[in-house]
Protein backbone atom coordinates (compact mmCIF):
# COMPACT_ATOMS: atom_id res chain seq x y z
CA MET A 1 -23.77 38.31 -40.79
CA ASN A 2 -25.17 41.11 -38.94
CA ARG A 3 -24.06 42.36 -35.76
CA ARG A 4 -25.91 40.01 -33.49
CA GLN A 5 -25.12 37.01 -35.88
CA PHE A 6 -21.83 37.75 -35.35
CA LEU A 7 -21.60 38.13 -31.43
CA ILE A 8 -23.72 34.82 -31.03
CA ALA A 9 -20.99 32.67 -34.13
CA GLY A 10 -17.94 34.50 -31.87
CA ALA A 11 -19.46 33.15 -28.41
CA ALA A 12 -20.01 29.63 -30.06
CA ILE A 13 -16.95 29.63 -31.88
CA SER A 14 -15.18 30.85 -28.61
CA VAL A 15 -16.68 27.74 -26.68
CA THR A 16 -15.63 25.26 -29.52
CA ALA A 17 -11.85 26.67 -29.76
CA ALA A 18 -11.73 25.87 -26.16
CA ALA A 19 -13.16 22.88 -26.42
CA GLY A 20 -9.80 22.61 -28.64
CA LEU A 21 -11.30 21.67 -31.81
CA GLU A 22 -8.76 23.80 -33.39
CA LEU A 23 -8.14 23.06 -37.29
CA GLY A 24 -4.86 24.46 -38.83
CA SER A 25 -4.61 25.60 -42.24
CA ARG A 26 -3.15 22.28 -42.95
CA GLY A 27 -5.49 20.25 -41.51
CA PHE A 28 -7.78 21.42 -44.38
CA GLN A 29 -5.92 19.56 -46.82
CA SER A 30 -7.63 15.85 -45.34
CA HIS A 31 -10.67 18.06 -45.09
CA TRP A 32 -11.00 19.11 -48.44
CA ASP A 33 -10.25 15.38 -49.33
CA ALA A 34 -13.15 14.06 -47.39
CA LEU A 35 -15.61 16.76 -48.20
CA LEU A 36 -15.12 15.40 -51.97
CA ALA A 37 -15.49 12.07 -51.08
CA GLN A 38 -19.03 12.99 -49.02
CA LEU A 39 -20.46 14.94 -52.23
CA SER A 40 -19.31 12.46 -54.54
CA ALA A 41 -21.38 9.67 -52.36
CA LEU A 42 -24.22 11.83 -52.56
CA GLN A 43 -24.75 10.91 -56.31
CA HIS A 44 -27.38 9.15 -57.83
CA LYS A 45 -29.19 9.11 -54.10
CA GLU A 46 -32.14 10.83 -52.94
CA LEU A 47 -31.77 13.54 -51.15
CA THR A 48 -33.85 15.72 -48.17
CA SER A 49 -33.24 18.70 -46.31
CA SER A 50 -34.22 19.89 -42.95
CA GLY A 51 -33.82 23.69 -43.89
CA SER A 52 -35.56 25.68 -45.83
CA TRP A 53 -34.05 25.29 -48.71
CA THR A 54 -34.38 21.81 -50.91
CA PRO A 55 -31.19 20.20 -51.53
CA SER A 56 -30.94 21.56 -55.08
CA GLN A 57 -30.87 24.62 -53.51
CA VAL A 58 -28.21 24.13 -51.25
CA PHE A 59 -26.13 22.78 -54.10
CA GLN A 60 -26.49 26.04 -55.78
CA HIS A 61 -26.04 28.17 -53.40
CA LEU A 62 -22.64 26.17 -52.54
CA THR A 63 -22.02 26.48 -56.46
CA GLN A 64 -22.25 30.35 -56.12
CA SER A 65 -20.11 30.32 -53.50
CA VAL A 66 -17.05 28.26 -54.85
CA LEU A 67 -17.42 29.94 -58.02
CA GLY A 68 -17.32 33.46 -56.79
CA SER A 69 -13.96 32.67 -55.54
CA VAL A 70 -12.80 31.58 -59.10
CA GLN A 71 -14.73 34.46 -60.88
CA GLY A 72 -15.35 37.21 -58.36
CA TYR A 73 -18.77 38.11 -56.77
CA SER A 74 -20.80 40.71 -58.10
CA GLU A 75 -21.39 42.29 -54.43
CA HIS A 76 -19.36 42.69 -52.00
CA LYS A 77 -19.12 43.71 -47.89
CA ALA A 78 -18.21 47.60 -47.51
CA ALA A 79 -14.36 47.90 -47.46
CA TRP A 80 -14.22 48.85 -44.13
CA PHE A 81 -16.33 45.57 -43.42
CA THR A 82 -13.43 43.62 -45.51
CA HIS A 83 -10.13 44.70 -44.13
CA SER A 84 -11.57 44.10 -40.58
CA ILE A 85 -14.69 42.02 -39.35
CA GLY A 86 -14.73 39.45 -42.06
CA PRO A 87 -11.48 38.47 -41.74
CA VAL A 88 -11.87 38.51 -37.86
CA ALA A 89 -14.86 36.18 -38.75
CA LEU A 90 -12.67 33.89 -41.09
CA LYS A 91 -9.92 33.69 -38.37
CA ALA A 92 -12.30 32.89 -35.85
CA PHE A 93 -13.89 30.14 -37.90
CA LYS A 94 -10.75 28.36 -38.66
CA THR A 95 -9.83 28.74 -35.03
CA ALA A 96 -13.03 26.43 -34.19
CA GLY A 97 -12.89 24.57 -37.32
CA ALA A 98 -16.35 25.14 -37.98
CA MET A 99 -18.80 28.33 -39.52
CA LEU A 100 -21.75 28.80 -38.23
CA HIS A 101 -24.10 31.29 -40.38
CA PRO A 102 -27.76 31.50 -41.20
CA LEU A 103 -28.34 28.37 -43.60
CA ASP A 104 -30.95 30.42 -45.63
CA GLU A 105 -29.03 33.73 -46.48
CA ALA A 106 -28.36 34.25 -49.71
CA ILE A 107 -24.88 35.55 -51.18
CA PRO A 108 -25.37 39.20 -51.90
CA GLY A 109 -25.92 40.15 -55.67
CA MET A 110 -25.87 36.12 -56.73
CA PRO A 111 -28.98 35.23 -59.01
CA ALA A 112 -32.10 33.73 -57.27
CA LEU A 113 -31.55 29.65 -56.70
CA ASP A 114 -33.58 27.87 -59.40
CA ALA A 115 -36.80 25.93 -57.60
CA HIS A 116 -36.54 23.76 -60.28
CA MET A 117 -33.26 22.76 -61.12
CA PRO A 118 -32.51 18.97 -60.56
CA THR A 119 -30.68 18.14 -57.79
CA GLN A 120 -27.94 15.77 -58.75
CA GLN A 121 -27.45 18.41 -61.81
CA ALA A 122 -27.02 21.01 -58.77
CA LEU A 123 -24.59 18.67 -57.15
CA GLN A 124 -22.74 17.97 -60.58
CA ASN A 125 -22.54 22.07 -60.72
CA LEU A 126 -21.29 22.01 -57.10
CA LEU A 127 -18.22 19.44 -57.96
CA GLN A 128 -17.14 20.50 -61.34
CA ALA A 129 -16.82 23.73 -59.57
CA LEU A 130 -15.04 22.42 -56.68
CA THR A 131 -12.93 21.34 -59.37
CA GLN A 132 -12.15 24.51 -61.02
CA PHE A 133 -11.36 25.88 -57.94
CA ALA A 134 -9.15 23.24 -57.06
CA GLN A 135 -7.19 24.23 -60.44
CA SER A 136 -7.61 28.25 -59.99
CA SER A 137 -4.29 30.04 -59.53
CA SER A 138 -5.68 33.36 -59.45
CA LEU A 139 -8.41 33.75 -56.93
CA SER A 140 -11.17 36.85 -56.62
CA PRO A 141 -11.52 38.55 -53.39
CA HIS A 142 -14.41 36.77 -50.80
CA PHE A 143 -17.38 39.30 -51.00
CA ALA A 144 -17.17 39.33 -47.04
CA TYR A 145 -13.81 38.38 -46.20
CA GLY A 146 -11.60 40.33 -48.50
CA VAL A 147 -8.37 39.30 -49.97
CA LEU A 148 -7.54 35.01 -49.65
CA ASP A 149 -5.03 32.95 -50.19
CA HIS A 150 -6.24 29.40 -51.92
CA GLN A 151 -5.26 27.48 -48.51
CA ASP A 152 -7.80 30.46 -46.51
CA TYR A 153 -10.31 30.41 -49.39
CA GLU A 154 -9.86 26.11 -48.98
CA ALA A 155 -10.49 26.65 -45.30
CA ALA A 156 -13.63 28.73 -45.69
CA HIS A 157 -15.39 26.77 -48.34
CA VAL A 158 -14.66 23.04 -46.66
CA MET A 159 -16.48 24.86 -43.39
CA HIS A 160 -19.27 26.68 -45.55
CA ILE A 161 -20.14 23.23 -47.08
CA ARG A 162 -19.95 21.05 -44.39
CA GLN A 163 -22.15 23.28 -42.21
CA HIS A 164 -24.72 23.43 -45.37
CA LEU A 165 -24.41 19.56 -45.12
CA THR A 166 -25.61 19.14 -41.86
CA GLN A 167 -29.52 19.65 -43.04
CA ILE A 168 -29.07 17.15 -45.76
CA GLN A 169 -29.87 13.69 -45.37
CA SER A 170 -29.62 10.46 -48.00
CA SER A 171 -32.23 8.10 -48.16
């Protein structure tokens, strides 16, 4: 996220937080369960995307993010960023209860998304990654937010996935 995107996101988050949409750390557990149910409900359905990525690419991107929290990210923002702007951005997102970021921005250092991977396979991979994350007791630092505990990572994943799902439709 560049400075301009961060400032725009910050303004939108301030408005959202002022509207009373704040979610505390505990609030994300119920969102986690609902998110898993929402993703499971997409199985065996024809899916389309209103964004520049196909549904398969969206699910692959989300899988990369979730697995990065367990296995580690190959690239990280500068240390000054992960100790200052990154944590502040996550706190703002959590306060607002929503994440705002460019929906076609790849995770630094992650492999290219496979345009030919079947959507249902990519969705299944995401569900498996979420199960792996939920069972993991040891997490790697986030590439932008730095060191996170399980609750903060869960909140970040919920908000990240929910934002991407705004572009996915089932028929």
